[in-house]
Amino acid sequence: MVHSMTAFARTERAGTHGTLSWELRSVNHRYLEPQLRLPEAFRDLEGSVRDALRQGLSRGKVECTLRFTEESTGKALQLDRERAAQLISAAESIASLIKQPAPLNPLEVLAWPGVLVADGTDPQAQNAEAMQLFNQALDELKNGRGREGAELAKLLDDLLIAGGTLVEVHGHTDNQGPVQANMTLSEERAFAVKTWLEKTAPSNFPSGRVKVFAHGQSEPLESNASAGSRAKNRRVEIVMGVQ
């Protein structure tokens, strides 16, 4: 079965302490290259996430982003006094080495990871929940790669019949992320299709027959106002015409 390396998956779960969401994006690459973006409180998951990716995928540049929106309504914040004291002591030691150091800002101490702790938070339980949600996203990503691969296989059959046509591959994205990054992503998606066509049937797709066009987020099919509409805007379009 043919599998595409270009796909997107998103999973989300609201729990007692907040909302977790994973976004996984993959594009064509000759080997597996994970890129992880994890909140500081979930850094311990990096090894488990990389292991899961190695077991589930063999190739592709895969960007994995975890977001956590904490539910603070009705919860008291607890101060980790021991950690705060350690930070203050370290800051005072550094200040003693500096002429006319700036005064220590209490708000900066509070902003340091681990100083303020939400009441009742269980880090191990949160990590386990995040990994469970990641595995769901990974399954969704693999299924998406399978679906796109099946569509590519059907497209190849159609192109083999078409024989002498010129092929244009147009890559598109949604509006999530920087404009230039989306332009690059759309180009990578289009090149992934071009590379697959040329490798699968080189005699039918000689050099120069398949042209790539990157559009980024500039030509959406829908408004990008919802996850469903954004999914439709992340696409690769094939245009065929007689040479």
Protein backbone atom coordinates (compact mmCIF):
# COMPACT_ATOMS: atom_id res chain seq x y z
CA MET A 1 0.00 0.00 0.00
CA VAL A 2 1.22 3.50 -0.89
CA HIS A 3 1.60 5.95 2.01
CA SER A 4 2.07 9.70 1.72
CA MET A 5 4.47 11.45 4.08
CA THR A 6 2.39 14.64 4.12
CA ALA A 7 -0.36 14.75 6.74
CA PHE A 8 -1.78 16.66 9.70
CA ALA A 9 -3.44 15.49 12.92
CA ARG A 10 -4.89 17.31 15.92
CA THR A 11 -6.28 15.91 19.18
CA GLU A 12 -7.62 17.75 22.20
CA ARG A 13 -8.90 16.76 25.63
CA ALA A 14 -10.31 18.88 28.45
CA GLY A 15 -9.57 17.57 31.94
CA THR A 16 -9.84 18.61 35.56
CA HIS A 17 -6.68 20.71 35.50
CA GLY A 18 -6.93 22.14 32.00
CA THR A 19 -7.00 21.39 28.27
CA LEU A 20 -4.31 19.43 26.43
CA SER A 21 -3.94 19.56 22.66
CA TRP A 22 -1.47 17.99 20.23
CA GLU A 23 -0.78 19.10 16.65
CA LEU A 24 1.29 16.83 14.41
CA ARG A 25 2.44 17.89 10.95
CA SER A 26 4.54 15.73 8.63
CA VAL A 27 6.17 16.44 5.29
CA ASN A 28 8.43 14.48 2.97
CA HIS A 29 11.94 13.68 4.24
CA ARG A 30 14.40 10.91 3.46
CA TYR A 31 14.62 9.85 7.12
CA LEU A 32 12.67 10.44 10.33
CA GLU A 33 13.33 13.90 11.79
CA PRO A 34 11.12 14.79 14.78
CA GLN A 35 10.79 18.41 15.91
CA LEU A 36 9.20 18.73 19.35
CA ARG A 37 7.66 21.77 21.00
CA LEU A 38 6.69 21.02 24.59
CA PRO A 39 5.73 23.26 27.52
CA GLU A 40 8.34 23.33 30.29
CA ALA A 41 6.12 21.28 32.60
CA PHE A 42 6.02 18.44 30.04
CA ARG A 43 9.73 18.26 29.11
CA ASP A 44 9.99 14.79 30.64
CA LEU A 45 7.84 13.47 27.78
CA GLU A 46 10.46 14.09 25.10
CA GLY A 47 12.02 10.62 25.27
CA SER A 48 8.65 8.83 25.24
CA VAL A 49 7.41 10.91 22.30
CA ARG A 50 10.54 10.20 20.26
CA ASP A 51 10.26 6.47 21.02
CA ALA A 52 6.62 6.44 19.91
CA LEU A 53 7.53 8.22 16.68
CA ARG A 54 10.33 5.76 15.91
CA GLN A 55 7.97 2.83 16.48
CA GLY A 56 5.15 4.33 14.42
CA LEU A 57 6.96 6.03 11.51
CA SER A 58 10.07 5.38 9.44
CA ARG A 59 10.42 8.59 7.42
CA GLY A 60 9.28 12.20 7.28
CA LYS A 61 9.95 15.52 8.99
CA VAL A 62 7.41 15.48 11.83
CA GLU A 63 6.60 18.57 13.88
CA CYS A 64 4.88 17.78 17.21
CA THR A 65 3.43 20.63 19.27
CA LEU A 66 1.85 20.18 22.71
CA ARG A 67 -0.22 22.96 24.25
CA PHE A 68 -1.65 23.06 27.77
CA THR A 69 -4.19 25.65 28.88
CA GLU A 70 -4.46 25.46 32.64
CA GLU A 71 -7.89 25.65 34.28
CA SER A 72 -7.39 28.10 37.12
CA THR A 73 -11.02 28.90 37.96
CA GLY A 74 -11.78 28.10 41.58
CA LYS A 75 -8.26 26.79 42.30
CA ALA A 76 -5.88 28.18 44.85
CA LEU A 77 -2.25 28.69 43.88
CA GLN A 78 0.43 27.27 46.14
CA LEU A 79 3.86 28.79 46.58
CA ASP A 80 6.80 26.40 46.59
CA ARG A 81 8.73 28.30 49.23
CA GLU A 82 11.77 26.05 49.11
CA ARG A 83 12.21 26.54 45.36
CA ALA A 84 11.59 30.28 45.67
CA ALA A 85 14.21 30.53 48.44
CA GLN A 86 16.74 28.67 46.27
CA LEU A 87 16.12 31.08 43.38
CA ILE A 88 16.42 34.15 45.61
CA SER A 89 19.64 32.82 47.16
CA ALA A 90 21.10 32.15 43.71
CA ALA A 91 20.07 35.61 42.50
CA GLU A 92 21.65 37.26 45.56
CA SER A 93 24.90 35.35 44.98
CA ILE A 94 25.03 36.63 41.40
CA ALA A 95 24.14 40.16 42.56
CA SER A 96 27.11 40.17 44.95
CA LEU A 97 29.42 39.83 41.94
CA ILE A 98 27.89 42.80 40.11
CA LYS A 99 28.43 46.49 40.83
CA GLN A 100 25.09 48.24 41.42
CA PRO A 101 22.88 45.27 40.56
CA ALA A 102 19.22 45.83 39.73
CA PRO A 103 16.82 45.03 42.58
CA LEU A 104 15.22 41.59 42.54
CA ASN A 105 11.67 41.68 41.15
CA PRO A 106 9.26 39.40 43.09
CA LEU A 107 7.07 38.95 40.00
CA GLU A 108 10.05 37.54 38.09
CA VAL A 109 10.60 35.02 40.87
CA LEU A 110 6.92 34.00 40.73
CA ALA A 111 7.16 33.56 36.94
CA TRP A 112 9.98 31.01 37.24
CA PRO A 113 8.77 27.44 36.45
CA GLY A 114 7.84 25.52 39.59
CA VAL A 115 7.55 28.45 42.01
CA LEU A 116 3.76 28.69 41.70
CA VAL A 117 2.00 25.33 41.72
CA ALA A 118 -1.69 24.80 41.05
CA ASP A 119 -3.43 23.02 43.91
CA GLY A 120 -3.97 19.31 43.33
CA THR A 121 -1.91 18.98 40.14
CA ASP A 122 -0.39 15.53 39.63
CA PRO A 123 2.52 15.79 37.12
CA GLN A 124 2.70 12.03 36.51
CA ALA A 125 -1.01 11.81 35.79
CA GLN A 126 -0.77 14.80 33.44
CA ASN A 127 2.16 13.24 31.59
CA ALA A 128 0.31 9.95 31.21
CA GLU A 129 -2.75 11.75 29.86
CA ALA A 130 -0.61 13.75 27.45
CA MET A 131 1.07 10.58 26.12
CA GLN A 132 -2.27 8.85 25.67
CA LEU A 133 -3.49 11.84 23.68
CA PHE A 134 -0.25 11.88 21.65
CA ASN A 135 -0.71 8.23 20.67
CA GLN A 136 -4.21 9.06 19.43
CA ALA A 137 -2.81 11.93 17.36
CA LEU A 138 -0.08 9.66 15.97
CA ASP A 139 -2.68 7.06 14.92
CA GLU A 140 -4.69 9.83 13.25
CA LEU A 141 -1.55 11.05 11.45
CA LYS A 142 -0.74 7.55 10.18
CA ASN A 143 -4.31 7.07 8.99
CA GLY A 144 -4.12 10.42 7.19
CA ARG A 145 -0.89 9.40 5.48
CA GLY A 146 -2.56 6.18 4.39
CA ARG A 147 -5.58 8.02 2.97
CA GLU A 148 -3.41 10.49 1.08
CA GLY A 149 -1.31 7.59 -0.22
CA ALA A 150 -4.41 5.88 -1.60
CA GLU A 151 -5.43 9.12 -3.31
CA LEU A 152 -1.93 9.45 -4.79
CA ALA A 153 -2.10 5.88 -6.08
CA LYS A 154 -5.41 6.61 -7.81
CA LEU A 155 -3.97 9.83 -9.19
CA LEU A 156 -0.99 7.95 -10.58
CA ASP A 157 -3.29 5.52 -12.40
CA ASP A 158 -5.14 8.48 -13.93
CA LEU A 159 -1.89 10.16 -14.94
CA LEU A 160 -0.53 6.99 -16.53
CA ILE A 161 -3.63 6.90 -18.69
CA ALA A 162 -3.28 10.60 -19.47
CA GLY A 163 0.24 9.90 -20.79
CA GLY A 164 1.21 13.16 -22.52
CA THR A 165 -0.13 15.79 -20.17
CA LEU A 166 1.72 18.54 -18.35
CA VAL A 167 1.32 18.24 -14.57
CA GLU A 168 1.18 21.13 -12.09
CA VAL A 169 1.32 20.48 -8.34
CA HIS A 170 -0.02 23.30 -6.15
CA GLY A 171 0.64 23.30 -2.38
CA HIS A 172 -1.57 25.15 0.14
CA THR A 173 -1.78 25.63 3.94
CA ASP A 174 -4.15 27.10 6.50
CA ASN A 175 -3.40 30.41 8.25
CA GLN A 176 -1.85 28.91 11.41
CA GLY A 177 1.74 30.09 11.84
CA PRO A 178 3.98 32.70 10.15
CA VAL A 179 3.26 33.55 6.51
CA GLN A 180 6.75 32.64 5.28
CA ALA A 181 6.75 29.35 7.20
CA ASN A 182 3.42 28.45 5.59
CA MET A 183 4.83 29.28 2.15
CA THR A 184 7.74 26.92 2.81
CA LEU A 185 5.40 24.21 4.12
CA SER A 186 3.17 24.45 1.04
CA GLU A 187 6.23 24.10 -1.19
CA GLU A 188 7.40 21.03 0.76
CA ARG A 189 3.97 19.44 0.38
CA ALA A 190 3.94 20.03 -3.37
CA PHE A 191 7.51 18.74 -3.76
CA ALA A 192 6.56 15.59 -1.79
CA VAL A 193 3.91 14.79 -4.42
CA LYS A 194 6.29 15.63 -7.28
CA THR A 195 9.02 13.41 -5.82
CA TRP A 196 6.58 10.54 -5.32
CA LEU A 197 5.34 10.75 -8.93
CA GLU A 198 8.84 10.83 -10.37
CA LYS A 199 10.06 7.93 -8.22
CA THR A 200 6.99 5.78 -8.75
CA ALA A 201 6.85 6.10 -12.54
CA PRO A 202 10.01 7.83 -13.84
CA SER A 203 9.30 6.92 -17.47
CA ASN A 204 5.93 8.69 -17.31
CA PHE A 205 7.22 11.70 -15.36
CA PRO A 206 10.56 12.73 -16.87
CA SER A 207 12.39 15.82 -15.67
CA GLY A 208 10.47 18.97 -16.48
CA ARG A 209 7.04 17.43 -16.78
CA VAL A 210 5.89 18.09 -13.19
CA LYS A 211 5.92 21.74 -12.09
CA VAL A 212 5.62 22.82 -8.43
CA PHE A 213 3.77 25.92 -7.20
CA ALA A 214 3.64 27.12 -3.58
CA HIS A 215 0.75 29.31 -2.42
CA GLY A 216 1.05 29.19 1.38
CA GLN A 217 -2.10 30.49 3.04
CA SER A 218 -3.03 32.91 0.22
CA GLU A 219 -5.73 30.78 -1.48
CA PRO A 220 -7.98 29.22 1.19
CA LEU A 221 -11.01 27.18 0.19
CA GLU A 222 -12.80 28.24 3.37
CA SER A 223 -12.50 30.90 6.07
CA ASN A 224 -10.01 29.23 8.49
CA ALA A 225 -12.51 30.01 11.25
CA SER A 226 -12.76 26.40 12.47
CA ALA A 227 -10.58 23.29 12.67
CA GLY A 228 -12.69 21.68 9.93
CA SER A 229 -12.26 24.57 7.50
CA ARG A 230 -8.53 24.79 8.22
CA ALA A 231 -8.18 21.07 7.45
CA LYS A 232 -9.74 21.67 4.02
CA ASN A 233 -7.31 24.52 3.35
CA ARG A 234 -4.28 22.27 4.01
CA ARG A 235 -4.15 20.56 0.64
CA VAL A 236 -2.25 19.72 -2.54
CA GLU A 237 -4.01 20.23 -5.87
CA ILE A 238 -3.03 18.56 -9.12
CA VAL A 239 -3.74 20.36 -12.43
CA MET A 240 -3.24 18.54 -15.72
CA GLY A 241 -3.19 20.02 -19.21
CA VAL A 242 -2.05 19.06 -22.69
CA GLN A 243 1.50 20.10 -23.49
